[in-house]
Amino acid sequence: MVGNASRAAIISDRRITGLSADVIAELVAELGPLWHERHQAKLASRLRKRAVGAGAKHRLVFVDRLLATLVHLRHATTHDVLACWFGVDRSTITRAIGEVRPLLAERGCTVSPGLRLRTLAEVIDHLGADGKTGIIDGTEIRVRRPAAGRKDRDRFISGKNKQNAVKTMVITDGDGRVLFCSPTRPGSCADITHARQLGLVKLLADGPAVEILADAGYQGLGVQTGGRVITPPHRKFKKNAPDWYEEMHERQRKAHSSRRIRVEHGIAHLKNWRALTRHLGRREHMSHTVQAIAGLLSHQQTADLASARQM
């Protein structure tokens, strides 16, 4: 296992994990007991020849398991490299990441020290209660090409980038803080289709009055939600448009774009985590990976905002 000096160096340098030491300490205090509880439940769930707790002890304590997962998500470090770093077998690292990553995904996005948003319905209620504007956009993450002969192999080919990818819908507030990342869908799924499948139309139509900014990929949701989804203005003149119309249309388009650009900043912060630039693991793990990183990023953003207010 990694020594105390190496562990302290990992925690103290934000470039390694992307998180401050205070946030990592909060993660250890929050997830440690939950991991231990699930581990004990797993041991007791099957017939055993020895009592629970017998046998060899863990060489990789929970703090190191969490740190290995954070480094893997932040830098896409291979399991072999992490195994050498932490002084354990590669299978131990694989198992540790497989156990910790779902715990991180279940945390949701932190918008204040005592408030977590885990579902799309909670995000809409939060925006409506605070009178804030939400911004939505879809982003694609490249994945490995599915094996030859797979029935739905072509579903992962993105119509935009012509590459194998999965897609997630990101929601931020007007300041670019990440509020929600949806489970992933194959890259061929259109942005507006993904939003409808997540139930966004029903939540906006039946929920509180919320303003949602979106790009042209979501045109049509405005009518279905009573005007709560605002997309760029339609172009009425395709040819020989009057000068006054060109000027007005360009002004409206830029005004909408300048408000919506914050979601692009939020997505850029997500893509700073190398696991989301190109995913080389199993596509089945992508939903947990995206949601785990969104939760970690939002937690750090909230902590940074709180520190800035105290200064």
Protein backbone atom coordinates (compact mmCIF):
# COMPACT_ATOMS: atom_id res chain seq x y z
CA MET A 1 0.00 0.00 0.00
CA VAL A 2 1.06 3.59 -0.47
CA GLY A 3 2.98 5.20 2.40
CA ASN A 4 1.74 8.04 4.56
CA ALA A 5 4.09 10.52 2.87
CA SER A 6 2.88 9.58 -0.62
CA ARG A 7 -0.74 9.68 0.51
CA ALA A 8 -0.26 13.13 1.99
CA ALA A 9 1.37 14.32 -1.25
CA ILE A 10 -1.58 13.07 -3.31
CA ILE A 11 -4.12 14.78 -1.06
CA SER A 12 -2.24 18.06 -0.75
CA ASP A 13 -1.69 18.59 -4.50
CA ARG A 14 -4.96 19.48 -6.19
CA ARG A 15 -3.50 18.80 -9.63
CA ILE A 16 -3.44 15.05 -8.89
CA THR A 17 -7.07 14.51 -7.88
CA GLY A 18 -8.74 17.74 -9.00
CA LEU A 19 -10.07 18.21 -5.47
CA SER A 20 -8.90 20.13 -2.43
CA ALA A 21 -7.82 18.38 0.76
CA ASP A 22 -10.98 19.55 2.56
CA VAL A 23 -13.25 18.03 -0.08
CA ILE A 24 -11.34 14.74 0.01
CA ALA A 25 -11.69 14.66 3.80
CA GLU A 26 -15.46 15.15 3.45
CA LEU A 27 -15.61 12.31 0.92
CA VAL A 28 -13.73 9.97 3.25
CA ALA A 29 -16.04 10.81 6.16
CA GLU A 30 -19.17 10.40 4.02
CA LEU A 31 -18.34 7.36 1.90
CA GLY A 32 -16.09 5.39 4.23
CA PRO A 33 -18.87 4.08 6.52
CA LEU A 34 -21.13 3.42 3.53
CA TRP A 35 -18.45 1.39 1.76
CA HIS A 36 -17.72 -0.59 4.91
CA GLU A 37 -21.43 -1.30 5.44
CA ARG A 38 -21.89 -2.57 1.89
CA HIS A 39 -18.73 -4.62 2.10
CA GLN A 40 -19.87 -6.33 5.27
CA ALA A 41 -23.32 -6.95 3.79
CA LYS A 42 -21.72 -8.55 0.76
CA LEU A 43 -19.61 -10.84 2.93
CA ALA A 44 -22.64 -11.91 4.97
CA SER A 45 -24.86 -12.49 1.93
CA ARG A 46 -23.34 -15.84 0.95
CA LEU A 47 -22.52 -19.11 2.65
CA ARG A 48 -19.08 -19.05 4.21
CA LYS A 49 -16.69 -21.65 5.60
CA ARG A 50 -15.10 -19.02 7.83
CA ALA A 51 -16.62 -16.28 9.92
CA VAL A 52 -16.92 -12.74 8.54
CA GLY A 53 -13.64 -10.96 9.24
CA ALA A 54 -11.46 -14.04 9.08
CA GLY A 55 -8.72 -14.43 6.53
CA ALA A 56 -6.30 -11.92 5.06
CA LYS A 57 -6.88 -8.23 5.77
CA HIS A 58 -7.15 -5.48 3.19
CA ARG A 59 -3.83 -4.15 2.00
CA LEU A 60 -5.63 -1.20 0.41
CA VAL A 61 -7.51 0.82 3.01
CA PHE A 62 -10.56 2.87 2.01
CA VAL A 63 -8.67 6.16 1.79
CA ASP A 64 -6.30 4.63 -0.76
CA ARG A 65 -9.22 3.10 -2.66
CA LEU A 66 -10.83 6.52 -2.92
CA LEU A 67 -7.58 8.18 -3.99
CA ALA A 68 -6.95 5.53 -6.65
CA THR A 69 -10.46 6.11 -8.04
CA LEU A 70 -10.00 9.89 -8.08
CA VAL A 71 -6.65 9.66 -9.87
CA HIS A 72 -8.15 7.25 -12.39
CA LEU A 73 -11.09 9.56 -13.13
CA ARG A 74 -8.96 12.70 -13.24
CA HIS A 75 -6.11 11.44 -15.42
CA ALA A 76 -7.45 8.18 -16.91
CA THR A 77 -4.47 6.43 -15.33
CA THR A 78 -4.44 2.73 -16.15
CA HIS A 79 -5.08 0.15 -13.44
CA ASP A 80 -1.61 -1.31 -13.95
CA VAL A 81 0.07 2.01 -13.19
CA LEU A 82 -2.10 2.57 -10.11
CA ALA A 83 -1.33 -0.96 -8.92
CA CYS A 84 2.41 -0.23 -9.09
CA TRP A 85 1.90 3.11 -7.36
CA PHE A 86 -0.16 1.70 -4.48
CA GLY A 87 1.82 -1.53 -4.22
CA VAL A 88 -1.05 -3.96 -4.84
CA ASP A 89 -2.22 -6.25 -7.61
CA ARG A 90 -4.02 -4.82 -10.64
CA SER A 91 -7.18 -6.77 -9.81
CA THR A 92 -7.30 -5.03 -6.42
CA ILE A 93 -7.35 -1.63 -8.11
CA THR A 94 -10.01 -2.77 -10.57
CA ARG A 95 -12.18 -4.03 -7.73
CA ALA A 96 -11.64 -0.87 -5.69
CA ILE A 97 -12.65 1.45 -8.54
CA GLY A 98 -15.66 -0.73 -9.29
CA GLU A 99 -16.81 -0.35 -5.67
CA VAL A 100 -16.08 3.35 -5.14
CA ARG A 101 -17.28 4.74 -8.47
CA PRO A 102 -20.98 3.85 -7.88
CA LEU A 103 -20.79 5.43 -4.42
CA LEU A 104 -19.55 8.66 -5.98
CA ALA A 105 -22.27 8.54 -8.65
CA GLU A 106 -25.03 8.16 -6.06
CA ARG A 107 -24.02 11.35 -4.24
CA GLY A 108 -25.58 13.67 -6.80
CA CYS A 109 -24.53 17.27 -7.42
CA THR A 110 -23.81 19.52 -4.44
CA VAL A 111 -25.31 23.00 -4.77
CA SER A 112 -24.90 24.01 -1.12
CA PRO A 113 -23.37 22.34 1.96
CA GLY A 114 -26.72 20.80 2.90
CA LEU A 115 -28.38 20.31 -0.48
CA ARG A 116 -27.84 17.58 -3.08
CA LEU A 117 -29.60 17.19 -6.43
CA ARG A 118 -29.83 13.59 -7.61
CA THR A 119 -32.71 13.56 -10.08
CA LEU A 120 -33.95 15.78 -12.88
CA ALA A 121 -37.14 16.50 -10.92
CA GLU A 122 -35.10 17.80 -7.98
CA VAL A 123 -33.15 20.07 -10.34
CA ILE A 124 -36.32 21.59 -11.79
CA ASP A 125 -37.79 22.13 -8.32
CA HIS A 126 -34.54 23.75 -7.15
CA LEU A 127 -34.46 26.15 -10.11
CA GLY A 128 -38.12 27.01 -9.63
CA ALA A 129 -37.77 27.61 -5.88
CA ASP A 130 -34.79 29.94 -6.33
CA GLY A 131 -36.09 31.63 -9.49
CA LYS A 132 -32.93 30.74 -11.38
CA THR A 133 -32.39 30.07 -15.06
CA GLY A 134 -31.22 26.63 -16.12
CA ILE A 135 -29.16 25.86 -19.19
CA ILE A 136 -29.14 22.48 -20.93
CA ASP A 137 -26.91 20.97 -23.57
CA GLY A 138 -25.80 17.57 -24.73
CA THR A 139 -22.19 16.46 -24.90
CA GLU A 140 -20.62 13.40 -26.46
CA ILE A 141 -17.84 11.17 -25.09
CA ARG A 142 -15.87 8.96 -27.41
CA VAL A 143 -15.89 5.26 -26.58
CA ARG A 144 -14.37 2.10 -27.98
CA ARG A 145 -15.93 0.68 -31.13
CA PRO A 146 -18.42 -2.11 -30.31
CA ALA A 147 -17.37 -5.61 -31.28
CA ALA A 148 -18.12 -6.83 -34.79
CA GLY A 149 -21.42 -8.65 -35.05
CA ARG A 150 -23.07 -6.77 -32.19
CA LYS A 151 -26.73 -6.21 -32.98
CA ASP A 152 -26.88 -2.51 -32.06
CA ARG A 153 -23.34 -1.64 -33.14
CA ASP A 154 -24.40 1.30 -35.35
CA ARG A 155 -26.33 2.98 -32.53
CA PHE A 156 -23.09 4.31 -31.03
CA ILE A 157 -22.07 6.20 -34.17
CA SER A 158 -22.66 9.92 -33.65
CA GLY A 159 -24.34 11.74 -36.49
CA LYS A 160 -22.43 14.87 -35.54
CA ASN A 161 -18.85 13.60 -35.21
CA LYS A 162 -19.15 10.34 -37.18
CA GLN A 163 -17.41 8.55 -34.31
CA ASN A 164 -18.40 5.95 -31.73
CA ALA A 165 -19.68 7.87 -28.73
CA VAL A 166 -22.17 8.05 -25.91
CA LYS A 167 -24.18 11.14 -25.03
CA THR A 168 -25.22 12.77 -21.78
CA MET A 169 -27.38 15.81 -21.05
CA VAL A 170 -25.83 18.43 -18.78
CA ILE A 171 -27.76 21.08 -16.84
CA THR A 172 -26.05 24.07 -15.26
CA ASP A 173 -27.31 27.24 -13.63
CA GLY A 174 -26.67 30.73 -14.98
CA ASP A 175 -23.18 30.75 -13.44
CA GLY A 176 -22.11 27.52 -15.12
CA ARG A 177 -22.30 25.35 -11.99
CA VAL A 178 -23.12 21.75 -12.84
CA LEU A 179 -26.51 20.69 -11.45
CA PHE A 180 -27.17 17.43 -13.25
CA CYS A 181 -25.67 14.91 -15.66
CA SER A 182 -28.00 12.31 -17.10
CA PRO A 183 -27.28 8.63 -17.64
CA THR A 184 -25.60 8.08 -20.99
CA ARG A 185 -27.28 7.11 -24.23
CA PRO A 186 -25.77 5.83 -27.51
CA GLY A 187 -24.33 8.60 -29.68
CA SER A 188 -26.98 8.28 -32.40
CA CYS A 189 -29.68 9.57 -30.01
CA ALA A 190 -30.67 13.16 -30.81
CA ASP A 191 -30.44 15.78 -28.07
CA ILE A 192 -34.16 16.53 -28.13
CA THR A 193 -35.04 12.83 -28.05
CA HIS A 194 -32.80 12.30 -25.05
CA ALA A 195 -34.46 15.20 -23.21
CA ARG A 196 -37.92 13.78 -23.91
CA GLN A 197 -36.91 10.30 -22.75
CA LEU A 198 -35.64 11.79 -19.48
CA GLY A 199 -39.10 13.30 -18.88
CA LEU A 200 -38.02 16.94 -19.17
CA VAL A 201 -41.16 17.95 -21.10
CA LYS A 202 -43.55 16.63 -18.44
CA LEU A 203 -41.51 18.08 -15.58
CA LEU A 204 -41.51 21.56 -17.12
CA ALA A 205 -45.14 21.46 -18.24
CA ASP A 206 -46.46 20.28 -14.84
CA GLY A 207 -43.83 21.80 -12.55
CA PRO A 208 -42.84 25.30 -11.42
CA ALA A 209 -42.28 28.16 -13.84
CA VAL A 210 -38.65 27.74 -14.88
CA GLU A 211 -36.71 29.34 -17.72
CA ILE A 212 -34.47 26.86 -19.54
CA LEU A 213 -32.01 28.02 -22.20
CA ALA A 214 -31.05 25.58 -24.94
CA ASP A 215 -29.42 25.53 -28.36
CA ALA A 216 -31.04 24.82 -31.72
CA GLY A 217 -30.89 21.06 -31.09
CA TYR A 218 -33.84 21.46 -28.70
CA GLN A 219 -36.13 23.48 -30.97
CA GLY A 220 -39.65 22.19 -30.51
CA LEU A 221 -39.48 21.82 -26.74
CA GLY A 222 -40.59 25.43 -26.33
CA VAL A 223 -44.04 24.68 -27.74
CA GLN A 224 -44.37 21.47 -25.74
CA THR A 225 -43.46 23.17 -22.44
CA GLY A 226 -45.45 26.38 -22.79
CA GLY A 227 -42.45 28.47 -23.75
CA ARG A 228 -40.27 27.47 -20.80
CA VAL A 229 -37.50 26.14 -23.04
CA ILE A 230 -35.99 29.06 -24.96
CA THR A 231 -34.03 28.26 -28.12
CA PRO A 232 -32.33 30.56 -30.68
CA PRO A 233 -34.80 32.56 -32.82
CA HIS A 234 -36.03 30.97 -36.02
CA ARG A 235 -34.86 32.47 -39.28
CA LYS A 236 -37.97 33.51 -41.21
CA PHE A 237 -36.15 34.67 -44.37
CA LYS A 238 -33.93 32.06 -45.95
CA LYS A 239 -33.12 34.15 -49.01
CA ASN A 240 -33.02 37.87 -49.76
CA ALA A 241 -33.64 38.89 -46.17
CA PRO A 242 -33.99 42.65 -45.53
CA ASP A 243 -31.07 44.37 -43.87
CA TRP A 244 -33.15 45.32 -40.85
CA TYR A 245 -34.11 41.68 -40.33
CA GLU A 246 -30.51 40.47 -40.62
CA GLU A 247 -29.43 42.97 -38.00
CA MET A 248 -32.28 42.09 -35.63
CA HIS A 249 -31.79 38.33 -36.06
CA GLU A 250 -28.06 38.56 -35.44
CA ARG A 251 -28.61 40.68 -32.33
CA GLN A 252 -31.14 38.22 -30.91
CA ARG A 253 -28.95 35.24 -31.72
CA LYS A 254 -25.91 36.75 -30.01
CA ALA A 255 -27.95 37.75 -26.95
CA HIS A 256 -29.18 34.18 -26.56
CA SER A 257 -25.73 32.72 -27.16
CA SER A 258 -24.09 35.00 -24.59
CA ARG A 259 -26.50 33.71 -21.91
CA ARG A 260 -26.28 30.07 -22.95
CA ILE A 261 -22.46 29.95 -23.14
CA ARG A 262 -22.22 29.13 -19.42
CA VAL A 263 -23.24 25.54 -20.02
CA GLU A 264 -20.30 25.19 -22.43
CA HIS A 265 -18.01 26.33 -19.63
CA GLY A 266 -19.53 23.72 -17.32
CA ILE A 267 -19.00 20.99 -19.91
CA ALA A 268 -15.41 22.15 -20.41
CA HIS A 269 -14.76 21.71 -16.69
CA LEU A 270 -16.20 18.19 -16.91
CA LYS A 271 -13.97 17.36 -19.86
CA ASN A 272 -10.92 18.41 -17.85
CA TRP A 273 -11.34 15.01 -16.21
CA ARG A 274 -9.56 12.71 -18.64
CA ALA A 275 -12.04 9.87 -18.18
CA LEU A 276 -14.54 11.99 -20.14
CA THR A 277 -12.28 13.02 -23.01
CA ARG A 278 -12.20 9.48 -24.35
CA HIS A 279 -13.43 6.49 -22.41
CA LEU A 280 -11.44 3.31 -22.95
CA GLY A 281 -13.27 1.15 -20.43
CA ARG A 282 -16.61 -0.61 -20.62
CA ARG A 283 -19.47 1.46 -21.99
CA GLU A 284 -21.72 0.03 -19.28
CA HIS A 285 -19.72 2.02 -16.70
CA MET A 286 -20.07 5.38 -18.46
CA SER A 287 -23.22 6.51 -16.65
CA HIS A 288 -21.55 6.02 -13.25
CA THR A 289 -18.39 7.71 -14.49
CA VAL A 290 -20.20 10.81 -15.80
CA GLN A 291 -22.38 11.17 -12.72
CA ALA A 292 -19.46 10.59 -10.34
CA ILE A 293 -17.37 13.30 -12.00
CA ALA A 294 -20.32 15.71 -12.09
CA GLY A 295 -20.85 15.20 -8.36
CA LEU A 296 -17.17 15.71 -7.56
CA LEU A 297 -16.94 18.83 -9.73
CA SER A 298 -20.08 20.38 -8.24
CA HIS A 299 -18.81 19.64 -4.71
CA GLN A 300 -15.53 21.39 -5.44
CA GLN A 301 -17.29 24.33 -7.12
CA THR A 302 -19.52 24.75 -4.06
CA ALA A 303 -16.51 24.60 -1.74
CA ASP A 304 -14.63 27.17 -3.82
CA LEU A 305 -17.64 29.49 -3.84
CA ALA A 306 -17.98 29.23 -0.06
CA SER A 307 -14.28 30.01 0.39
CA ALA A 308 -14.53 33.02 -1.92
CA ARG A 309 -17.44 34.43 0.09
CA GLN A 310 -15.48 34.12 3.33
CA MET A 311 -12.55 36.11 1.96
